[in-house]
Amino acid sequence: MELTLIVVLVIALALFFDFTNGFHDTANAMATPIATGALRPKTAVTIAAILNLIGAFLSTEVAKTISGGIIREGENGIAIGPELILAGLIGAIIWNMLTWLLGLPSSSSHALFGGLIGAVIVGAGVAAVDFGVVMSKVILPALLAPLTAGLVAYTATKLAYAITRRYDGKPDGRDGFRYAQIFSSSLVALAHGTNDAQKTMGVITLTLISVNLQAPGTGPEFWVITACALAIALGTYVGGWRIIKTLGTGLTDVKPAQGFAAETSTAVTILASSHVGFALSTTQVASGSVIGSGLGRRGSKVRWRTAGKIGLGWLLTLPAAGIVGAIAAYVASFGIVGVVLDAVVGSAVILFIFLWSRRGESEPRGVVSEVADSGLAVKIKKNPKPIKKAKSKS
């Protein structure tokens, strides 16, 4: 009975994390098209929700990385209990909620990894974590992916502006990038579903394996895929407006050509990572792409102070979520009483953060860039002829 209760709590908490992942990461796909006016805010999050739902059914490689890679389990590994997974989820959710409150586009993925690693180290020892997999499929992609996406976005932005160079008396054609943004941002949303929804699938699968309800080394069941797809889609539809504002207008003033370049590079990077099973942070990729596009447009300014805050959040995510997960794992070690206490305290902290957030704006205000109309075709008038001065009579 106690074990069943813990498993149910873990699955419920995992789906809630998936929901927070959705509204936390909506900005990755839709911040730039909203900022440029290519899509209305509510239309954008609706499209993103539908495509996240579809994307969740397209691949399970990342889910397998989590369920049978980072944490050792099964006959040749170290068996971990669902109470440790619950503790790790508490660490991830609290960090997600805190960074959402601050409007920081931090990594939901790394929050999940940090929470799980911290909980498992306390509950099962350091040997229960496969640090080789952590390094190859989590740490290295976290370092390389934003740089790669930024470089691609920089190059694509330069190319876009070179092709649509202005000429006297002729439109520059850049308004077409608004329509292209609808396609590119949709591709990012689809890619996000193929990567991030799988992380929760992996956690639930790991839980089922740990209680012998599923064979080690197997992928997620269809009901798990469906539940996770619905949870992340619902979270995406809610929309994390605070983070959308930071990513869409806080890093740089995004114009349509920039937005298209950033979204395309983000989508390509995420889809490639999902194919090889890298548990990538889509937030880091999207942020790197936006910065790269800002550097690629002449006259654009990147707000490095904001970028620095985001970078600090990235550095703190793994250890901060890990510490919370470790504390929760220690409390859970006291048995069912500790597990219930974890659930109650975790829920109270989440509720407090949510209620505190209601003190500020939660509607989609201020998420459209001041340069949203700059995508319109520009027609430069020729300089008027100088007016001749009348000769004075002597």
Protein backbone atom coordinates (compact mmCIF):
# COMPACT_ATOMS: atom_id res chain seq x y z
CA MET A 1 0.00 0.00 0.00
CA GLU A 2 2.77 2.42 0.96
CA LEU A 3 4.71 1.60 -2.21
CA THR A 4 1.63 2.15 -4.38
CA LEU A 5 1.02 5.53 -2.74
CA ILE A 6 4.62 6.62 -3.38
CA VAL A 7 4.47 5.52 -7.04
CA VAL A 8 1.22 7.45 -7.55
CA LEU A 9 2.77 10.54 -5.90
CA VAL A 10 5.85 10.28 -8.13
CA ILE A 11 3.80 9.98 -11.34
CA ALA A 12 1.58 12.92 -10.31
CA LEU A 13 4.61 15.05 -9.42
CA ALA A 14 6.38 14.07 -12.65
CA LEU A 15 3.38 15.17 -14.72
CA PHE A 16 3.26 18.45 -12.77
CA PHE A 17 6.95 18.96 -13.56
CA ASP A 18 6.09 18.33 -17.22
CA PHE A 19 3.42 21.03 -16.93
CA THR A 20 5.92 23.51 -15.45
CA ASN A 21 8.38 22.57 -18.19
CA GLY A 22 5.74 23.54 -20.73
CA PHE A 23 5.03 27.05 -19.46
CA HIS A 24 8.66 27.58 -18.48
CA ASP A 25 9.88 26.79 -22.00
CA THR A 26 7.13 28.30 -24.15
CA ALA A 27 9.49 31.21 -24.74
CA ASN A 28 11.99 28.99 -26.54
CA ALA A 29 9.70 28.72 -29.55
CA MET A 30 7.40 31.72 -29.35
CA ALA A 31 9.27 34.62 -27.71
CA THR A 32 10.70 36.01 -30.94
CA PRO A 33 7.59 35.73 -33.20
CA ILE A 34 5.53 37.36 -30.42
CA ALA A 35 8.15 40.09 -30.01
CA THR A 36 8.18 40.92 -33.73
CA GLY A 37 4.40 40.79 -34.08
CA ALA A 38 4.49 37.79 -36.41
CA LEU A 39 2.03 35.99 -34.13
CA ARG A 40 -0.42 37.20 -31.52
CA PRO A 41 0.47 35.94 -28.02
CA LYS A 42 -2.50 33.61 -27.55
CA THR A 43 -2.26 32.29 -31.10
CA ALA A 44 1.44 31.60 -30.59
CA VAL A 45 1.01 29.57 -27.40
CA THR A 46 -1.89 27.61 -28.94
CA ILE A 47 0.25 26.61 -31.93
CA ALA A 48 3.15 25.73 -29.63
CA ALA A 49 0.91 23.57 -27.43
CA ILE A 50 -0.43 21.56 -30.37
CA LEU A 51 3.04 20.99 -31.83
CA ASN A 52 4.51 20.07 -28.44
CA LEU A 53 1.78 17.45 -28.18
CA ILE A 54 2.62 16.03 -31.61
CA GLY A 55 6.38 16.18 -31.06
CA ALA A 56 6.15 14.11 -27.89
CA PHE A 57 5.09 11.08 -29.96
CA LEU A 58 7.92 11.30 -32.50
CA SER A 59 10.91 10.00 -30.52
CA THR A 60 11.87 8.26 -27.26
CA GLU A 61 15.69 8.33 -27.43
CA VAL A 62 16.03 11.04 -24.78
CA ALA A 63 13.61 9.19 -22.49
CA LYS A 64 15.86 6.11 -22.71
CA THR A 65 18.90 8.24 -21.81
CA ILE A 66 17.21 9.24 -18.55
CA SER A 67 15.50 5.95 -17.68
CA GLY A 68 18.53 3.78 -18.41
CA GLY A 69 21.54 6.07 -18.67
CA ILE A 70 22.15 8.77 -16.07
CA ILE A 71 20.89 6.76 -13.09
CA ARG A 72 22.06 3.15 -12.89
CA GLU A 73 19.24 0.70 -12.29
CA GLY A 74 18.37 -2.93 -12.90
CA GLU A 75 20.21 -6.18 -12.34
CA ASN A 76 23.70 -4.83 -13.00
CA GLY A 77 23.16 -1.48 -11.37
CA ILE A 78 22.05 -0.07 -8.06
CA ALA A 79 18.32 -0.25 -7.43
CA ILE A 80 16.82 3.10 -6.44
CA GLY A 81 13.41 3.60 -4.92
CA PRO A 82 10.61 5.86 -6.11
CA GLU A 83 11.04 8.01 -3.00
CA LEU A 84 14.39 9.21 -4.36
CA ILE A 85 12.83 10.05 -7.71
CA LEU A 86 10.12 12.00 -5.88
CA ALA A 87 12.80 13.94 -4.00
CA GLY A 88 14.58 14.76 -7.24
CA LEU A 89 11.36 16.01 -8.81
CA ILE A 90 10.75 18.31 -5.85
CA GLY A 91 14.17 19.89 -6.39
CA ALA A 92 13.49 20.36 -10.11
CA ILE A 93 10.00 21.83 -9.70
CA ILE A 94 10.97 24.31 -6.98
CA TRP A 95 13.88 25.59 -9.09
CA ASN A 96 11.64 25.83 -12.15
CA MET A 97 9.06 27.84 -10.24
CA LEU A 98 11.67 30.14 -8.73
CA THR A 99 13.35 30.97 -12.04
CA TRP A 100 9.94 31.49 -13.65
CA LEU A 101 9.11 33.97 -10.88
CA LEU A 102 12.34 35.84 -11.65
CA GLY A 103 11.73 35.67 -15.41
CA LEU A 104 14.97 33.77 -16.02
CA PRO A 105 15.01 31.32 -18.96
CA SER A 106 16.88 28.61 -17.04
CA SER A 107 17.06 24.96 -18.03
CA SER A 108 14.18 22.74 -16.94
CA SER A 109 16.27 19.79 -18.13
CA HIS A 110 19.22 20.59 -15.90
CA ALA A 111 16.88 21.26 -12.98
CA LEU A 112 15.56 17.73 -13.42
CA PHE A 113 19.03 16.21 -13.75
CA GLY A 114 20.33 18.16 -10.76
CA GLY A 115 17.41 17.18 -8.56
CA LEU A 116 17.72 13.50 -9.48
CA ILE A 117 21.49 13.39 -9.07
CA GLY A 118 21.37 15.13 -5.67
CA ALA A 119 18.63 12.81 -4.41
CA VAL A 120 20.33 9.64 -5.67
CA ILE A 121 23.72 10.57 -4.20
CA VAL A 122 22.16 11.01 -0.75
CA GLY A 123 19.91 7.96 -0.96
CA ALA A 124 22.02 5.44 -2.89
CA GLY A 125 25.55 6.81 -3.02
CA VAL A 126 27.76 8.38 -5.66
CA ALA A 127 28.17 5.05 -7.50
CA ALA A 128 24.48 5.11 -8.44
CA VAL A 129 25.11 7.96 -10.88
CA ASP A 130 26.77 7.24 -14.22
CA PHE A 131 28.90 10.37 -14.52
CA GLY A 132 30.22 9.25 -17.90
CA VAL A 133 26.72 9.56 -19.35
CA VAL A 134 26.19 12.83 -17.45
CA MET A 135 29.33 14.28 -19.00
CA SER A 136 28.78 13.02 -22.56
CA LYS A 137 25.04 13.56 -22.89
CA VAL A 138 24.34 16.44 -20.49
CA ILE A 139 27.39 18.58 -19.64
CA LEU A 140 29.13 18.65 -23.03
CA PRO A 141 25.92 19.37 -24.98
CA ALA A 142 25.17 22.16 -22.47
CA LEU A 143 28.52 23.78 -23.32
CA LEU A 144 28.56 23.17 -27.07
CA ALA A 145 24.91 23.50 -28.12
CA PRO A 146 24.36 27.20 -27.21
CA LEU A 147 27.65 28.16 -28.88
CA THR A 148 26.79 26.16 -31.99
CA ALA A 149 23.25 27.55 -32.17
CA GLY A 150 24.56 31.09 -31.62
CA LEU A 151 27.11 30.75 -34.40
CA VAL A 152 24.51 29.37 -36.81
CA ALA A 153 22.07 32.17 -35.90
CA TYR A 154 24.80 34.80 -36.34
CA THR A 155 25.68 33.48 -39.80
CA ALA A 156 22.03 33.13 -40.83
CA THR A 157 21.25 36.69 -39.70
CA LYS A 158 24.20 38.10 -41.64
CA LEU A 159 23.09 36.18 -44.72
CA ALA A 160 19.45 37.29 -44.37
CA TYR A 161 20.40 40.95 -44.19
CA ALA A 162 22.87 40.62 -47.05
CA ILE A 163 20.21 39.10 -49.32
CA THR A 164 17.61 41.74 -48.44
CA ARG A 165 19.88 44.76 -48.68
CA ARG A 166 18.07 48.06 -49.07
CA TYR A 167 18.09 50.01 -52.32
CA ASP A 168 16.84 53.54 -52.96
CA GLY A 169 13.16 53.59 -53.84
CA LYS A 170 12.70 49.82 -53.42
CA PRO A 171 11.31 47.77 -50.51
CA ASP A 172 13.83 45.55 -48.76
CA GLY A 173 11.56 42.50 -48.65
CA ARG A 174 12.14 41.77 -44.97
CA ASP A 175 8.45 41.74 -44.15
CA GLY A 176 8.40 38.23 -45.62
CA PHE A 177 10.42 37.02 -42.65
CA ARG A 178 7.35 37.52 -40.46
CA TYR A 179 5.56 34.79 -42.38
CA ALA A 180 8.70 32.65 -42.34
CA GLN A 181 8.79 33.04 -38.56
CA ILE A 182 5.48 31.25 -38.26
CA PHE A 183 7.06 28.19 -39.86
CA SER A 184 10.39 28.38 -38.01
CA SER A 185 8.84 28.96 -34.57
CA SER A 186 6.46 26.06 -35.20
CA LEU A 187 9.43 23.87 -36.00
CA VAL A 188 11.03 24.85 -32.66
CA ALA A 189 7.82 23.95 -30.82
CA LEU A 190 7.75 20.56 -32.54
CA ALA A 191 11.40 20.01 -31.68
CA HIS A 192 10.77 20.97 -28.07
CA GLY A 193 8.13 18.28 -27.84
CA THR A 194 10.52 15.65 -29.20
CA ASN A 195 13.12 16.54 -26.55
CA ASP A 196 11.63 17.93 -23.35
CA ALA A 197 8.46 15.84 -23.02
CA GLN A 198 10.66 12.75 -23.12
CA LYS A 199 12.48 13.74 -19.94
CA THR A 200 9.35 13.24 -17.88
CA MET A 201 8.65 10.01 -19.78
CA GLY A 202 12.11 8.85 -18.71
CA VAL A 203 11.45 9.72 -15.06
CA ILE A 204 8.15 7.81 -14.94
CA THR A 205 9.74 4.85 -16.74
CA LEU A 206 12.62 4.89 -14.24
CA THR A 207 10.06 4.80 -11.42
CA LEU A 208 8.22 1.82 -12.92
CA ILE A 209 11.52 -0.02 -13.43
CA SER A 210 12.57 0.67 -9.84
CA VAL A 211 9.46 -1.10 -8.49
CA ASN A 212 9.67 -3.97 -11.03
CA LEU A 213 6.57 -2.90 -12.95
CA GLN A 214 8.66 -2.61 -16.13
CA ALA A 215 11.70 -4.46 -17.41
CA PRO A 216 15.11 -2.67 -17.25
CA GLY A 217 16.30 -1.22 -20.56
CA THR A 218 12.82 -0.82 -22.04
CA GLY A 219 11.35 2.43 -23.29
CA PRO A 220 8.28 4.31 -22.05
CA GLU A 221 4.84 2.73 -22.30
CA PHE A 222 2.25 4.33 -24.61
CA TRP A 223 0.13 5.60 -21.71
CA VAL A 224 3.22 7.33 -20.28
CA ILE A 225 3.95 9.00 -23.63
CA THR A 226 0.33 10.17 -23.93
CA ALA A 227 0.13 11.55 -20.37
CA CYS A 228 3.42 13.43 -20.72
CA ALA A 229 2.45 14.83 -24.11
CA LEU A 230 -0.82 16.20 -22.72
CA ALA A 231 0.85 17.66 -19.62
CA ILE A 232 3.54 19.58 -21.51
CA ALA A 233 1.01 20.78 -24.09
CA LEU A 234 -1.26 22.15 -21.36
CA GLY A 235 1.66 23.90 -19.68
CA THR A 236 2.72 25.40 -23.00
CA TYR A 237 -0.77 26.75 -23.62
CA VAL A 238 -0.76 28.50 -20.24
CA GLY A 239 2.30 30.45 -21.42
CA GLY A 240 5.20 31.66 -19.27
CA TRP A 241 4.88 35.36 -20.07
CA ARG A 242 7.65 36.47 -17.73
CA ILE A 243 10.24 34.38 -19.56
CA ILE A 244 8.75 35.20 -22.97
CA LYS A 245 9.35 38.88 -22.18
CA THR A 246 12.97 38.25 -21.13
CA LEU A 247 13.86 36.14 -24.15
CA GLY A 248 11.85 38.15 -26.69
CA THR A 249 12.73 41.71 -25.63
CA GLY A 250 15.21 41.50 -22.76
CA LEU A 251 18.30 40.16 -24.54
CA THR A 252 18.06 42.22 -27.73
CA ASP A 253 15.46 44.01 -29.87
CA VAL A 254 14.46 41.27 -32.28
CA LYS A 255 13.45 42.03 -35.86
CA PRO A 256 11.74 39.47 -38.13
CA ALA A 257 14.90 38.44 -40.01
CA GLN A 258 16.71 37.92 -36.70
CA GLY A 259 13.82 35.96 -35.27
CA PHE A 260 13.69 33.64 -38.27
CA ALA A 261 17.43 33.01 -38.09
CA ALA A 262 17.32 32.35 -34.32
CA GLU A 263 14.36 29.99 -34.50
CA THR A 264 15.77 28.01 -37.43
CA SER A 265 19.12 27.46 -35.71
CA THR A 266 17.34 26.48 -32.48
CA ALA A 267 15.14 23.93 -34.24
CA VAL A 268 18.00 22.33 -36.16
CA THR A 269 20.13 21.99 -33.02
CA ILE A 270 17.32 20.48 -30.91
CA LEU A 271 16.16 18.02 -33.57
CA ALA A 272 19.71 16.79 -34.15
CA SER A 273 20.20 16.33 -30.39
CA SER A 274 16.93 14.43 -29.99
CA HIS A 275 17.95 12.05 -32.78
CA VAL A 276 21.16 11.01 -30.98
CA GLY A 277 19.62 10.99 -27.50
CA PHE A 278 21.24 14.12 -26.06
CA ALA A 279 19.11 15.44 -23.17
CA LEU A 280 19.62 19.00 -24.34
CA SER A 281 18.48 22.20 -22.69
CA THR A 282 16.22 23.84 -25.26
CA THR A 283 16.34 27.04 -23.19
CA GLN A 284 20.10 27.32 -23.51
CA VAL A 285 19.93 26.67 -27.24
CA ALA A 286 17.20 29.29 -27.75
CA SER A 287 19.07 31.87 -25.67
CA GLY A 288 22.29 31.25 -27.59
CA SER A 289 20.42 31.65 -30.87
CA VAL A 290 18.84 34.96 -29.82
CA ILE A 291 22.22 36.34 -28.75
CA GLY A 292 23.82 35.15 -32.00
CA SER A 293 21.11 36.82 -34.07
CA GLY A 294 21.55 40.03 -32.09
CA LEU A 295 25.26 40.05 -32.83
CA GLY A 296 24.56 39.32 -36.50
CA ARG A 297 22.41 42.41 -37.15
CA ARG A 298 24.38 45.59 -37.62
CA GLY A 299 23.31 48.25 -35.16
CA SER A 300 21.66 45.75 -32.81
CA LYS A 301 22.64 45.76 -29.15
CA VAL A 302 22.87 42.67 -26.98
CA ARG A 303 22.06 43.43 -23.34
CA TRP A 304 24.97 41.62 -21.78
CA ARG A 305 23.84 42.35 -18.24
CA THR A 306 20.67 40.34 -18.84
CA ALA A 307 22.71 37.66 -20.62
CA GLY A 308 24.99 37.51 -17.59
CA LYS A 309 22.04 36.92 -15.24
CA ILE A 310 20.80 34.14 -17.50
CA GLY A 311 24.28 32.60 -17.59
CA LEU A 312 24.49 32.71 -13.78
CA GLY A 313 21.14 30.94 -13.64
CA TRP A 314 22.50 28.22 -15.91
CA LEU A 315 25.51 27.68 -13.65
CA LEU A 316 23.38 27.49 -10.51
CA THR A 317 20.67 25.20 -11.89
CA LEU A 318 22.37 21.81 -11.47
CA PRO A 319 23.80 22.41 -7.97
CA ALA A 320 20.78 24.34 -6.65
CA ALA A 321 18.25 21.73 -7.76
CA GLY A 322 20.68 19.06 -6.56
CA ILE A 323 20.83 20.54 -3.06
CA VAL A 324 17.03 20.71 -2.78
CA GLY A 325 16.77 17.17 -4.12
CA ALA A 326 19.37 15.97 -1.61
CA ILE A 327 17.52 17.56 1.32
CA ALA A 328 14.25 16.04 0.14
CA ALA A 329 15.94 12.64 -0.20
CA TYR A 330 17.24 12.85 3.37
CA VAL A 331 13.72 13.62 4.64
CA ALA A 332 12.31 10.77 2.53
CA SER A 333 14.75 8.34 4.19
CA PHE A 334 12.48 8.36 7.27
CA GLY A 335 9.91 6.29 5.40
CA ILE A 336 6.36 7.08 4.41
CA VAL A 337 6.19 9.91 6.96
CA GLY A 338 9.19 11.56 5.30
CA VAL A 339 7.71 11.10 1.82
CA VAL A 340 4.42 12.70 2.87
CA LEU A 341 6.32 15.53 4.58
CA ASP A 342 8.29 16.10 1.36
CA ALA A 343 5.08 16.25 -0.65
CA VAL A 344 3.39 18.65 1.79
CA VAL A 345 6.36 21.02 2.18
CA GLY A 346 7.10 20.94 -1.57
CA SER A 347 3.48 21.74 -2.39
CA ALA A 348 3.47 24.58 0.13
CA VAL A 349 6.62 26.14 -1.39
CA ILE A 350 5.20 25.84 -4.91
CA LEU A 351 1.91 27.42 -3.81
CA PHE A 352 3.75 30.26 -2.07
CA ILE A 353 5.79 31.04 -5.21
CA PHE A 354 2.64 30.99 -7.33
CA LEU A 355 0.75 33.31 -4.99
CA TRP A 356 3.74 35.64 -4.81
CA SER A 357 3.82 35.78 -8.61
CA ARG A 358 0.24 37.07 -8.66
CA ARG A 359 1.52 40.32 -7.15
CA GLY A 360 3.03 41.22 -10.54
CA GLU A 361 1.79 41.05 -14.10
CA SER A 362 1.02 37.57 -15.38
CA GLU A 363 -0.77 38.56 -18.58
CA PRO A 364 0.93 38.78 -22.00
CA ARG A 365 1.84 42.45 -21.62
CA GLY A 366 5.11 43.99 -22.66
CA VAL A 367 6.11 40.94 -24.70
CA VAL A 368 6.06 42.73 -28.07
CA SER A 369 9.26 44.49 -29.06
CA GLU A 370 9.32 48.21 -29.78
CA VAL A 371 10.78 47.35 -33.19
CA ALA A 372 7.94 44.96 -34.10
CA ASP A 373 6.91 47.17 -37.03
CA SER A 374 10.44 47.28 -38.38
CA GLY A 375 9.74 44.18 -40.48
CA LEU A 376 7.62 46.25 -42.83
CA ALA A 377 9.14 46.89 -46.22
CA VAL A 378 11.18 50.06 -46.09
CA LYS A 379 11.01 52.54 -48.93
CA ILE A 380 13.80 55.08 -48.84
CA LYS A 381 13.09 58.34 -50.58
CA LYS A 382 15.78 59.98 -52.61
CA ASN A 383 17.24 63.15 -51.20
CA PRO A 384 15.28 66.21 -52.39
CA LYS A 385 17.00 68.64 -54.70
CA PRO A 386 18.47 71.67 -52.91
CA ILE A 387 16.34 74.81 -53.06
CA LYS A 388 18.08 77.62 -54.87
CA LYS A 389 18.28 80.88 -52.99
CA ALA A 390 16.87 83.93 -54.75
CA LYS A 391 19.48 86.44 -55.79
CA SER A 392 19.22 89.69 -53.93
CA LYS A 393 18.89 92.89 -55.96
CA SER A 394 21.61 95.39 -55.47
